[in-house]
N, C-alpha and C. Protein backbone atom coordinates (compact mmCIF):
# COMPACT_ATOMS: atom_id res chain seq x y z
N MET A 1 -75.73 118.14 47.53
CA MET A 1 -75.62 119.54 47.86
C MET A 1 -74.15 119.77 47.86
N ARG A 2 -73.84 120.89 47.19
CA ARG A 2 -72.39 121.43 47.04
C ARG A 2 -72.43 122.75 47.58
N ILE A 3 -71.12 123.16 47.78
CA ILE A 3 -70.83 124.57 48.36
C ILE A 3 -70.88 125.37 47.22
N HIS A 4 -71.57 126.60 47.53
CA HIS A 4 -71.63 127.45 46.51
C HIS A 4 -70.89 128.86 46.99
N LYS A 5 -70.45 129.80 46.02
CA LYS A 5 -69.57 131.05 46.37
C LYS A 5 -70.36 132.15 45.81
N CYS A 6 -70.52 133.29 46.57
CA CYS A 6 -71.18 134.34 45.92
C CYS A 6 -69.99 135.34 45.42
N PRO A 7 -70.21 135.68 44.22
CA PRO A 7 -69.34 136.44 43.36
C PRO A 7 -69.25 137.96 44.02
N ILE A 8 -70.36 138.39 44.58
CA ILE A 8 -70.40 139.84 45.00
C ILE A 8 -69.54 139.89 46.36
N CYS A 9 -70.09 139.15 47.42
CA CYS A 9 -69.47 139.23 48.73
C CYS A 9 -68.47 138.19 49.20
N ASN A 10 -68.38 137.29 48.14
CA ASN A 10 -67.12 136.27 48.27
C ASN A 10 -67.51 135.43 49.61
N SER A 11 -68.73 135.15 50.02
CA SER A 11 -69.12 134.35 51.11
C SER A 11 -69.54 132.94 50.52
N TYR A 12 -69.30 131.94 51.45
CA TYR A 12 -69.72 130.63 50.95
C TYR A 12 -71.12 130.20 51.54
N THR A 13 -71.87 129.41 50.82
CA THR A 13 -73.11 128.97 51.36
C THR A 13 -73.54 127.71 50.68
N LEU A 14 -74.50 127.09 51.12
CA LEU A 14 -75.06 125.91 50.49
C LEU A 14 -76.32 126.36 49.61
N LYS A 15 -76.69 127.53 49.66
CA LYS A 15 -78.02 127.94 48.98
C LYS A 15 -77.67 128.48 47.58
N ASP A 16 -78.59 128.46 46.72
CA ASP A 16 -78.57 128.98 45.42
C ASP A 16 -78.54 130.56 45.39
N ILE A 17 -79.13 131.20 46.44
CA ILE A 17 -78.96 132.68 46.46
C ILE A 17 -78.31 133.03 47.83
N CYS A 18 -77.39 134.10 47.78
CA CYS A 18 -76.68 134.44 48.85
C CYS A 18 -77.58 135.00 49.90
N PRO A 19 -77.32 134.51 51.31
CA PRO A 19 -78.20 135.13 52.36
C PRO A 19 -77.71 136.39 52.91
N LYS A 20 -76.46 136.81 52.51
CA LYS A 20 -75.87 138.14 52.92
C LYS A 20 -76.39 139.21 51.96
N CYS A 21 -76.27 138.97 50.56
CA CYS A 21 -76.58 140.11 49.63
C CYS A 21 -77.54 139.71 48.71
N GLY A 22 -78.18 138.53 48.52
CA GLY A 22 -79.21 138.19 47.78
C GLY A 22 -78.78 138.07 46.27
N SER A 23 -77.54 137.79 45.95
CA SER A 23 -77.29 137.57 44.45
C SER A 23 -77.17 135.99 44.28
N LYS A 24 -77.17 135.76 42.99
CA LYS A 24 -77.07 134.39 42.63
C LYS A 24 -75.60 133.77 42.98
N THR A 25 -75.56 132.62 43.58
CA THR A 25 -74.35 131.98 43.79
C THR A 25 -73.86 130.89 42.80
N PHE A 26 -72.47 130.55 42.69
CA PHE A 26 -72.06 129.67 41.67
C PHE A 26 -71.38 128.48 42.52
N GLU A 27 -71.26 127.42 41.99
CA GLU A 27 -70.61 126.25 42.54
C GLU A 27 -69.10 126.53 42.73
N ALA A 28 -68.55 126.44 43.82
CA ALA A 28 -67.15 126.73 44.19
C ALA A 28 -66.32 125.55 43.46
N LYS A 29 -65.08 125.92 43.05
CA LYS A 29 -64.24 125.02 42.41
C LYS A 29 -63.82 123.96 43.39
N PRO A 30 -63.57 122.69 43.10
CA PRO A 30 -63.20 121.63 44.05
C PRO A 30 -61.89 121.99 44.68
N PRO A 31 -61.62 121.59 45.86
CA PRO A 31 -60.36 121.85 46.42
C PRO A 31 -59.28 120.92 45.78
N LYS A 32 -58.05 121.31 45.82
CA LYS A 32 -56.94 120.53 45.34
C LYS A 32 -56.75 119.33 46.33
N PHE A 33 -56.42 118.10 45.62
CA PHE A 33 -56.21 116.91 46.63
C PHE A 33 -54.89 117.06 47.40
N SER A 34 -55.17 116.81 48.68
CA SER A 34 -53.89 116.78 49.68
C SER A 34 -54.22 115.59 50.50
N PRO A 35 -53.11 114.90 50.83
CA PRO A 35 -53.20 113.69 51.69
C PRO A 35 -53.49 114.10 53.07
N ASP A 36 -52.98 115.50 53.56
CA ASP A 36 -53.47 115.99 54.80
C ASP A 36 -54.54 116.91 54.70
N ASP A 37 -55.70 116.31 54.25
CA ASP A 37 -56.93 117.03 54.00
C ASP A 37 -57.57 117.43 55.21
N PRO A 38 -57.36 118.85 55.43
CA PRO A 38 -58.08 119.42 56.73
C PRO A 38 -59.47 119.64 56.80
N TYR A 39 -60.31 119.41 55.67
CA TYR A 39 -61.70 119.62 55.55
C TYR A 39 -62.27 118.30 55.31
N GLY A 40 -61.78 117.18 54.96
CA GLY A 40 -62.09 115.87 54.66
C GLY A 40 -63.20 115.47 55.78
N LYS A 41 -62.88 115.69 57.01
CA LYS A 41 -63.69 115.27 58.16
C LYS A 41 -65.22 115.84 57.88
N TYR A 42 -65.34 117.24 57.64
CA TYR A 42 -66.62 117.94 57.36
C TYR A 42 -67.20 117.40 56.32
N ARG A 43 -66.44 117.22 55.02
CA ARG A 43 -67.23 116.67 53.88
C ARG A 43 -67.88 115.28 54.24
N ARG A 44 -66.98 114.53 54.87
CA ARG A 44 -67.63 113.14 55.11
C ARG A 44 -68.80 113.35 56.03
N MET A 45 -68.86 114.14 57.07
CA MET A 45 -69.99 114.35 57.85
C MET A 45 -71.23 114.73 57.09
N MET A 46 -70.99 115.79 56.17
CA MET A 46 -72.05 116.28 55.22
C MET A 46 -72.68 115.09 54.40
N LYS A 47 -71.68 114.30 53.77
CA LYS A 47 -72.16 113.18 52.98
C LYS A 47 -72.99 112.27 53.81
N ARG A 48 -72.61 112.03 54.91
CA ARG A 48 -73.50 110.95 55.83
C ARG A 48 -74.87 111.60 56.03
N GLU A 49 -75.01 112.96 56.43
CA GLU A 49 -76.19 113.60 56.59
C GLU A 49 -77.02 113.56 55.48
N GLU A 50 -76.46 113.73 54.18
CA GLU A 50 -77.15 113.67 53.01
C GLU A 50 -77.72 112.21 52.77
N GLU A 51 -77.02 111.31 53.03
CA GLU A 51 -77.45 109.94 52.85
C GLU A 51 -78.63 109.65 53.76
N LYS A 52 -78.38 110.01 55.08
CA LYS A 52 -79.56 109.78 55.96
C LYS A 52 -80.93 110.41 55.58
N ALA A 53 -80.65 111.78 55.03
CA ALA A 53 -81.95 112.48 54.58
C ALA A 53 -82.52 111.77 53.37
N SER A 54 -81.74 111.35 52.33
CA SER A 54 -82.25 110.70 51.21
C SER A 54 -82.92 109.39 51.56
N SER A 55 -82.23 108.61 52.43
CA SER A 55 -82.87 107.32 52.82
C SER A 55 -84.28 107.59 53.60
N SER A 56 -84.39 108.60 54.30
CA SER A 56 -85.66 108.87 55.25
C SER A 56 -86.77 109.19 54.21
N LEU A 57 -86.41 109.82 53.04
CA LEU A 57 -87.45 110.21 52.06
C LEU A 57 -88.08 108.96 51.39
N THR A 58 -87.29 107.89 51.27
CA THR A 58 -87.70 106.82 50.42
C THR A 58 -88.44 105.82 51.25
């Protein structure tokens, strides 16, 4: 699952269709690398949740 951005209302979502305006979303560009990564904690949490979900399906 990747973060998507709506080109119309500039909101971010994980869905293919924007929940605010209903338009098609596009994958957001990846952030630039930074050793002081302020969002790394959240990406790692999301990755762990995805791994748990995929392992429970198998």
